[in-house]
Structures are given as C-alpha cells and as structure tokens.
Amino acid sequence: MEKPAFQHIVIMQVKVVYCLLAAFALSVIALLDYLKEELLFALVAASFSALLIVYAGYLLLRRKKRTPPYVEWGLTILLGVFTIFGMQQETFVVQWVYFFPIYVFFLFPFHIANYITLTYSAVIFWVVLNNFDNYVRLQLLFTYIACYAFSLVYALVNERNNLMLFKLINTDPLTKVYNEHQFHHNMNKEITRADRQRTGLVLISIRLPASWHDLKTDEFENRIANAGHRLQSTIREFDTCYRLDNDDFVVVLPNSTPEEGEILRAELLTRISKSRHATKNKFLIKTETYRPEDDSYSLLKRATSLLEEAK
C-alpha cells in the first residue's frame, strides 16, 4: 500500500470512530429528551445521530477516495441554524450550542474550523446577551467558552500530530529531505504548473560514490546525512531535494532552463564532492529536462538512466 493511501485510510478510520461515538452520544440525548417528552429535540438528536451513522458508512464505502466536503458543510449549517434560532425559542436548545465547536473542529481542518467557530461564537454571544438574564447569561457563556477552549486545544494537538505524521510519511528520517513518494506527489503539481505556465522544469539526479556502499552502516549513514545537508544548503530557495529508495538524490528545479540546471549541477558537484579522498568520493550528477509527454515516473526513469550510462 502506498504511503499517502495509508495516511488517508488512517485519518478516515479515526473519523469513522469519532462519528460513531458522537452518534452514540446523540442517541443517548435523544432517549433522554424522549423520556422528558421533549419530542422535537429528541427527533433532532435522533436525526443527527442517524446522519452521522450514514456519513460513517459513506466514509467506509469510499475508502481510499477522498470525500467531498458537502456533507460536513451541510451538517454544520443545519446545526448552526438550529442552535442559533432554536435557543431564542427554547432554552433547552442551549445544550446543542456546547456541542458545535467540538463538532466543527473534529470535521474540518484547523484553519477552516477556526473561522467557522469564531463567526459562530460572535453570533452566539450576541444572541445570549440579548435574550437571557444576567445569571443565565454568565452560566451559558462560561460553559460555552470552556467547551470552545477544550475544542481548540484538541484541534491544536491534532494539528501537531498530523504534522508529525506528515513528516514521518513524507520525509527521509536520515537526511531530513523529502522521500520518493513525496517526489511523485510534488512532481505532479510541478508538471501541471509547467504545462499551464509554459515554463521549464529541470531535474538533477545525483548518485553516491560506489565506494560508500562498502562502508560500515554508521559511517555510510553519517556520510549520506552530510551529503543531504550539503545539498539542502546549496540548492535555491524554491528548489526541492529528495532521497530516492535506491539512495540516489534528485533535485527539482521549477521554472528553470537547462542552462540554469547546468549551473546548479556544477555548484552541487563542487559542494558535495569536497573530501580528503576526492578520487574515492566521486559523485555522479546529471541533469534532465521535462518534456510535454512526461509524467513523474518517466522523467525520473530517464534521469536515473543517465546515471547508469555514466558509470
């Protein structure tokens, strides 16, 4: 299984679990409302519970495919309208207000959820200040702020974990440059940009000295980590460096001409080949230019074949 597919499946499974837990909680609320003969609110709770169960099933059926956000937006708008207008008619609706930020931060990326909850909070504050007496107003706002703070902390922790997961999946742990799977992901974007803007795209392929493969593991890893650091410090700000699964490196030069690629190739050769044993540490560095018929795999294959020919 490819790493991006694995990452997507993990996130999808977490969403499914949270949807089912939320559906269970709403089912309990619906039952309590029914026992209190609050039939309208019981119906709303049961409806949201059913929608979450259907959404969880939809996620499972889609599996590797990315789901459009229409369902999330639809549920959010329904819940927002229900709570804002409902709490002005029945104070019992207030309990749903506390659920809103938790729900939104769970479903949406942090930056989007932040805008939604801030807008919603401003409206809720206005409704509370204009429809409740001082004691109830203080109680509602304090509880809502506590729920909002809890949701915000959860979202920040989740965002940090997602970033760590991204780095784990997309970055080579030894050299700290991107790995091969991220190369193909980024190259598809660069190829699309090059075609749309009609600009050049150059790929520099780099092969380690053959003598390095005879070294002990610790020495080999130290040298390859140092090579990755030198590459990163030499390339331009908008270039990106990758370590392939076979230990070759590639550097992607967007919006560049073959001449600019040759200039950087010479700089890289000078920079990373510095050693007391220059003859034993000869790097092979070649440049290849993107062609309109290329995809990321064909361009990489042609670039690495140049290294094979140069042996």
Protein backbone atom coordinates (compact mmCIF):
# COMPACT_ATOMS: atom_id res chain seq x y z
CA MET A 1 0.00 0.00 0.00
CA GLU A 2 1.34 3.47 -0.90
CA LYS A 3 2.09 5.78 1.99
CA PRO A 4 -0.36 8.56 1.01
CA ALA A 5 -3.14 5.98 0.74
CA PHE A 6 -2.17 4.63 4.17
CA GLN A 7 -2.25 8.13 5.68
CA HIS A 8 -5.68 8.81 4.17
CA ILE A 9 -7.07 5.49 5.44
CA VAL A 10 -5.81 6.17 8.99
CA ILE A 11 -7.48 9.61 9.02
CA MET A 12 -10.66 8.11 7.56
CA GLN A 13 -10.78 5.40 10.22
CA VAL A 14 -10.36 7.97 13.00
CA LYS A 15 -13.21 10.00 11.51
CA VAL A 16 -15.43 6.92 11.39
CA VAL A 17 -14.73 6.11 15.06
CA TYR A 18 -15.48 9.68 16.15
CA CYS A 19 -18.67 9.77 14.06
CA LEU A 20 -19.91 6.57 15.69
CA LEU A 21 -19.05 7.82 19.19
CA ALA A 22 -20.84 11.12 18.51
CA ALA A 23 -23.83 9.19 17.10
CA PHE A 24 -23.98 7.10 20.27
CA ALA A 25 -23.88 10.21 22.48
CA LEU A 26 -26.63 11.84 20.44
CA SER A 27 -28.72 8.68 20.70
CA VAL A 28 -28.48 8.90 24.49
CA ILE A 29 -29.52 12.57 24.34
CA ALA A 30 -32.43 11.65 22.07
CA LEU A 31 -33.57 8.98 24.53
CA LEU A 32 -33.37 11.39 27.48
CA ASP A 33 -35.30 14.03 25.54
CA TYR A 34 -37.94 11.46 24.66
CA LEU A 35 -38.34 10.42 28.31
CA LYS A 36 -38.77 14.10 29.22
CA GLU A 37 -41.39 14.35 26.45
CA GLU A 38 -39.27 16.86 24.56
CA LEU A 39 -40.26 15.19 21.31
CA LEU A 40 -38.94 17.87 18.92
CA PHE A 41 -35.46 17.83 20.44
CA ALA A 42 -35.50 14.04 20.62
CA LEU A 43 -36.26 13.98 16.90
CA VAL A 44 -33.44 16.42 16.13
CA ALA A 45 -30.93 14.43 18.21
CA ALA A 46 -32.01 11.16 16.63
CA SER A 47 -31.79 12.71 13.15
CA PHE A 48 -28.25 13.97 13.70
CA SER A 49 -27.28 10.58 15.12
CA ALA A 50 -28.66 8.84 12.03
CA LEU A 51 -26.87 11.30 9.71
CA LEU A 52 -23.56 10.65 11.45
CA ILE A 53 -24.03 6.89 11.12
CA VAL A 54 -24.84 7.29 7.42
CA TYR A 55 -21.79 9.53 6.99
CA ALA A 56 -19.55 6.95 8.73
CA GLY A 57 -20.85 4.29 6.35
CA TYR A 58 -20.23 6.61 3.41
CA LEU A 59 -16.61 7.09 4.51
CA LEU A 60 -16.11 3.33 4.76
CA LEU A 61 -17.56 2.78 1.29
CA ARG A 62 -15.33 5.47 -0.23
CA ARG A 63 -12.21 4.02 1.44
CA LYS A 64 -9.17 5.38 -0.45
CA LYS A 65 -11.12 8.02 -2.35
CA ARG A 66 -11.18 11.50 -0.89
CA THR A 67 -14.67 12.57 0.10
CA PRO A 68 -16.08 15.97 -0.95
CA PRO A 69 -16.86 18.28 2.00
CA TYR A 70 -20.54 18.78 1.11
CA VAL A 71 -21.80 16.51 3.88
CA GLU A 72 -19.69 18.23 6.54
CA TRP A 73 -20.83 21.68 5.44
CA GLY A 74 -24.45 20.56 5.26
CA LEU A 75 -24.43 19.15 8.80
CA THR A 76 -22.61 22.21 10.12
CA ILE A 77 -25.07 24.66 8.58
CA LEU A 78 -28.06 22.65 9.87
CA LEU A 79 -26.64 22.51 13.40
CA GLY A 80 -25.70 26.20 13.37
CA VAL A 81 -29.12 27.37 12.18
CA PHE A 82 -30.91 25.06 14.60
CA THR A 83 -28.96 26.27 17.64
CA ILE A 84 -28.96 29.99 16.81
CA PHE A 85 -32.69 30.22 16.14
CA GLY A 86 -33.76 27.41 18.47
CA MET A 87 -32.18 28.83 21.62
CA GLN A 88 -34.19 32.02 21.15
CA GLN A 89 -37.38 29.94 21.39
CA GLU A 90 -36.44 27.21 23.88
CA THR A 91 -33.61 27.42 26.43
CA PHE A 92 -33.28 23.64 26.20
CA VAL A 93 -31.56 24.08 22.83
CA VAL A 94 -28.59 25.65 24.62
CA GLN A 95 -27.04 22.22 25.25
CA TRP A 96 -26.54 21.90 21.50
CA VAL A 97 -24.53 25.12 21.41
CA TYR A 98 -21.80 23.50 23.51
CA PHE A 99 -21.54 20.65 21.02
CA PHE A 100 -20.99 22.92 17.99
CA PRO A 101 -17.25 23.84 18.38
CA ILE A 102 -16.33 20.24 19.22
CA TYR A 103 -18.17 19.05 16.13
CA VAL A 104 -16.61 21.65 13.81
CA PHE A 105 -13.02 21.21 15.00
CA PHE A 106 -13.40 17.48 14.55
CA LEU A 107 -14.72 17.64 10.98
CA PHE A 108 -12.73 20.48 9.38
CA PRO A 109 -9.05 21.41 9.03
CA PHE A 110 -7.90 23.72 11.79
CA HIS A 111 -7.77 26.98 9.81
CA ILE A 112 -11.26 26.48 8.37
CA ALA A 113 -12.74 25.33 11.70
CA ASN A 114 -11.23 28.36 13.39
CA TYR A 115 -13.03 30.79 11.07
CA ILE A 116 -16.33 28.90 11.42
CA THR A 117 -16.24 28.74 15.23
CA LEU A 118 -15.16 32.38 15.63
CA THR A 119 -18.05 33.53 13.43
CA TYR A 120 -20.48 31.24 15.23
CA SER A 121 -19.21 32.38 18.65
CA ALA A 122 -19.77 36.04 17.77
CA VAL A 123 -23.38 35.28 16.80
CA ILE A 124 -23.95 33.15 19.92
CA PHE A 125 -22.58 35.90 22.19
CA TRP A 126 -24.97 38.38 20.59
CA VAL A 127 -27.95 36.03 20.99
CA VAL A 128 -27.10 35.26 24.64
CA LEU A 129 -26.57 38.91 25.58
CA ASN A 130 -29.93 39.90 24.08
CA ASN A 131 -32.13 37.00 25.20
CA PHE A 132 -31.11 35.92 28.71
CA ASP A 133 -30.85 37.49 32.16
CA ASN A 134 -27.51 38.11 33.85
CA TYR A 135 -27.26 34.85 35.82
CA VAL A 136 -28.20 32.58 32.91
CA ARG A 137 -26.08 34.68 30.56
CA LEU A 138 -22.98 34.20 32.73
CA GLN A 139 -23.60 30.47 33.07
CA LEU A 140 -24.12 29.95 29.32
CA LEU A 141 -21.10 31.98 28.25
CA PHE A 142 -18.79 30.39 30.82
CA THR A 143 -19.81 26.86 29.76
CA TYR A 144 -19.55 27.72 26.07
CA ILE A 145 -16.08 29.25 26.50
CA ALA A 146 -14.95 26.13 28.38
CA CYS A 147 -16.22 23.87 25.57
CA TYR A 148 -14.64 26.13 22.95
CA ALA A 149 -11.29 26.10 24.78
CA PHE A 150 -11.39 22.31 25.06
CA SER A 151 -12.15 22.03 21.34
CA LEU A 152 -9.36 24.45 20.45
CA VAL A 153 -6.79 22.53 22.50
CA TYR A 154 -7.94 19.27 20.90
CA ALA A 155 -7.62 20.81 17.43
CA LEU A 156 -4.12 22.17 18.12
CA VAL A 157 -2.92 18.81 19.42
CA ASN A 158 -4.50 17.06 16.45
CA GLU A 159 -2.89 19.55 14.05
CA ARG A 160 0.52 18.91 15.61
CA ASN A 161 0.04 15.14 15.37
CA ASN A 162 -0.97 15.44 11.72
CA LEU A 163 2.16 17.48 11.02
CA MET A 164 4.31 14.86 12.72
CA LEU A 165 2.57 12.14 10.72
CA PHE A 166 3.16 14.10 7.51
CA LYS A 167 6.87 14.42 8.28
CA LEU A 168 7.10 10.75 9.20
CA ILE A 169 5.48 9.64 5.96
CA ASN A 170 6.97 12.19 3.56
CA THR A 171 10.47 12.86 4.88
CA ASP A 172 13.56 10.70 4.86
CA PRO A 173 14.50 10.37 8.56
CA LEU A 174 18.25 10.20 7.92
CA THR A 175 18.80 13.17 5.60
CA LYS A 176 15.68 15.21 6.51
CA VAL A 177 14.88 15.75 2.82
CA TYR A 178 11.69 14.54 1.15
CA ASN A 179 11.40 10.87 0.19
CA GLU A 180 10.45 9.24 -3.12
CA HIS A 181 6.71 9.08 -2.57
CA GLN A 182 6.63 12.83 -1.86
CA PHE A 183 8.69 13.35 -5.01
CA HIS A 184 5.95 11.88 -7.20
CA HIS A 185 3.28 13.82 -5.31
CA ASN A 186 5.10 17.15 -5.74
CA MET A 187 6.22 16.44 -9.30
CA ASN A 188 2.64 16.04 -10.46
CA LYS A 189 1.98 19.58 -9.22
CA GLU A 190 5.16 20.94 -10.80
CA ILE A 191 4.38 19.29 -14.14
CA THR A 192 0.87 20.75 -14.10
CA ARG A 193 2.29 24.20 -13.30
CA ALA A 194 4.94 23.94 -16.01
CA ASP A 195 2.33 22.96 -18.61
CA ARG A 196 -0.07 25.71 -17.56
CA GLN A 197 2.54 28.49 -17.35
CA ARG A 198 4.68 27.14 -20.20
CA THR A 199 7.83 27.27 -18.10
CA GLY A 200 10.83 24.97 -17.93
CA LEU A 201 11.31 22.18 -15.40
CA VAL A 202 14.71 20.59 -14.75
CA LEU A 203 15.61 17.50 -12.75
CA ILE A 204 19.11 16.94 -11.34
CA SER A 205 19.92 13.35 -10.40
CA ILE A 206 22.78 12.54 -8.01
CA ARG A 207 24.36 9.16 -7.32
CA LEU A 208 26.57 8.44 -4.34
CA PRO A 209 30.15 7.25 -4.76
CA ALA A 210 30.19 3.49 -5.25
CA SER A 211 32.85 3.12 -2.54
CA TRP A 212 30.38 4.32 0.10
CA HIS A 213 28.39 1.10 -0.13
CA ASP A 214 31.39 -0.80 1.24
CA LEU A 215 31.45 1.26 4.42
CA LYS A 216 30.09 0.20 7.78
CA THR A 217 26.49 1.17 8.40
CA ASP A 218 27.25 4.02 10.82
CA GLU A 219 29.84 5.58 8.54
CA PHE A 220 27.60 5.21 5.49
CA GLU A 221 24.68 6.89 7.28
CA ASN A 222 26.90 9.73 8.52
CA ARG A 223 28.18 10.41 5.01
CA ILE A 224 24.76 10.25 3.36
CA ALA A 225 23.27 12.52 6.02
CA ASN A 226 26.10 15.00 5.43
CA ALA A 227 25.52 14.80 1.67
CA GLY A 228 21.84 15.56 2.17
CA HIS A 229 22.70 18.56 4.35
CA ARG A 230 25.13 19.91 1.73
CA LEU A 231 22.53 19.50 -0.99
CA GLN A 232 19.92 21.37 1.04
CA SER A 233 22.31 24.22 1.77
CA THR A 234 23.34 24.58 -1.90
CA ILE A 235 20.05 24.49 -3.80
CA ARG A 236 17.97 27.60 -4.36
CA GLU A 237 15.09 28.57 -2.08
CA PHE A 238 12.38 27.37 -4.46
CA ASP A 239 14.14 24.10 -5.41
CA THR A 240 13.35 20.85 -3.59
CA CYS A 241 15.57 17.89 -2.76
CA TYR A 242 14.54 14.23 -2.45
CA ARG A 243 16.21 10.98 -1.47
CA LEU A 244 15.05 8.03 -3.54
CA ASP A 245 14.54 4.49 -2.30
CA ASN A 246 17.77 3.37 -4.03
CA ASP A 247 19.81 6.09 -2.16
CA ASP A 248 20.06 8.38 -5.19
CA PHE A 249 19.14 12.03 -4.69
CA VAL A 250 17.18 14.22 -7.06
CA VAL A 251 16.71 17.98 -7.06
CA VAL A 252 13.69 19.53 -8.76
CA LEU A 253 14.22 22.95 -10.33
CA PRO A 254 10.85 24.56 -11.20
CA ASN A 255 10.65 27.45 -13.65
CA SER A 256 14.22 26.81 -14.79
CA THR A 257 16.11 26.46 -18.06
CA PRO A 258 18.61 23.70 -18.93
CA GLU A 259 21.37 26.31 -18.64
CA GLU A 260 20.34 27.14 -15.07
CA GLY A 261 20.27 23.41 -14.36
CA GLU A 262 23.86 23.04 -15.56
CA ILE A 263 25.00 25.95 -13.39
CA LEU A 264 23.45 24.41 -10.29
CA ARG A 265 24.81 20.97 -11.24
CA ALA A 266 28.34 22.40 -11.26
CA GLU A 267 27.74 24.08 -7.88
CA LEU A 268 26.42 20.85 -6.39
CA LEU A 269 29.34 18.84 -7.72
CA THR A 270 31.79 21.26 -6.15
CA ARG A 271 29.91 21.47 -2.88
CA ILE A 272 29.17 17.83 -2.11
CA SER A 273 32.36 16.31 -3.54
CA LYS A 274 34.69 18.07 -1.10
CA SER A 275 36.63 15.37 0.73
CA ARG A 276 40.15 14.33 1.70
CA HIS A 277 39.63 11.32 -0.58
CA ALA A 278 38.29 13.10 -3.64
CA THR A 279 39.08 10.26 -6.03
CA LYS A 280 37.15 7.80 -3.86
CA ASN A 281 34.22 10.14 -3.35
CA LYS A 282 33.24 10.99 -6.89
CA PHE A 283 29.56 11.77 -7.22
CA LEU A 284 27.68 11.30 -10.48
CA ILE A 285 25.44 14.28 -11.21
CA LYS A 286 23.29 14.61 -14.33
CA THR A 287 20.55 16.96 -15.48
CA GLU A 288 17.38 16.12 -17.39
CA THR A 289 14.70 18.44 -18.77
CA TYR A 290 10.96 17.90 -18.63
CA ARG A 291 9.19 17.06 -21.90
CA PRO A 292 5.46 17.57 -22.57
CA GLU A 293 4.85 13.81 -22.80
CA ASP A 294 6.50 13.14 -19.40
CA ASP A 295 4.94 12.19 -16.10
CA SER A 296 6.90 12.00 -12.84
CA TYR A 297 7.83 8.34 -13.40
CA SER A 298 9.08 8.70 -16.99
CA LEU A 299 11.10 11.81 -16.16
CA LEU A 300 12.69 10.11 -13.15
CA LYS A 301 13.43 6.97 -15.16
CA ARG A 302 15.17 8.97 -17.86
CA ALA A 303 17.18 10.94 -15.28
CA THR A 304 18.37 7.84 -13.43
CA SER A 305 19.21 6.07 -16.70
CA LEU A 306 21.73 8.85 -17.36
CA LEU A 307 23.46 7.86 -14.13
CA GLU A 308 23.56 4.23 -15.22
CA GLU A 309 25.11 5.19 -18.55
CA ALA A 310 27.73 7.34 -16.84
CA LYS A 311 29.04 4.52 -14.64
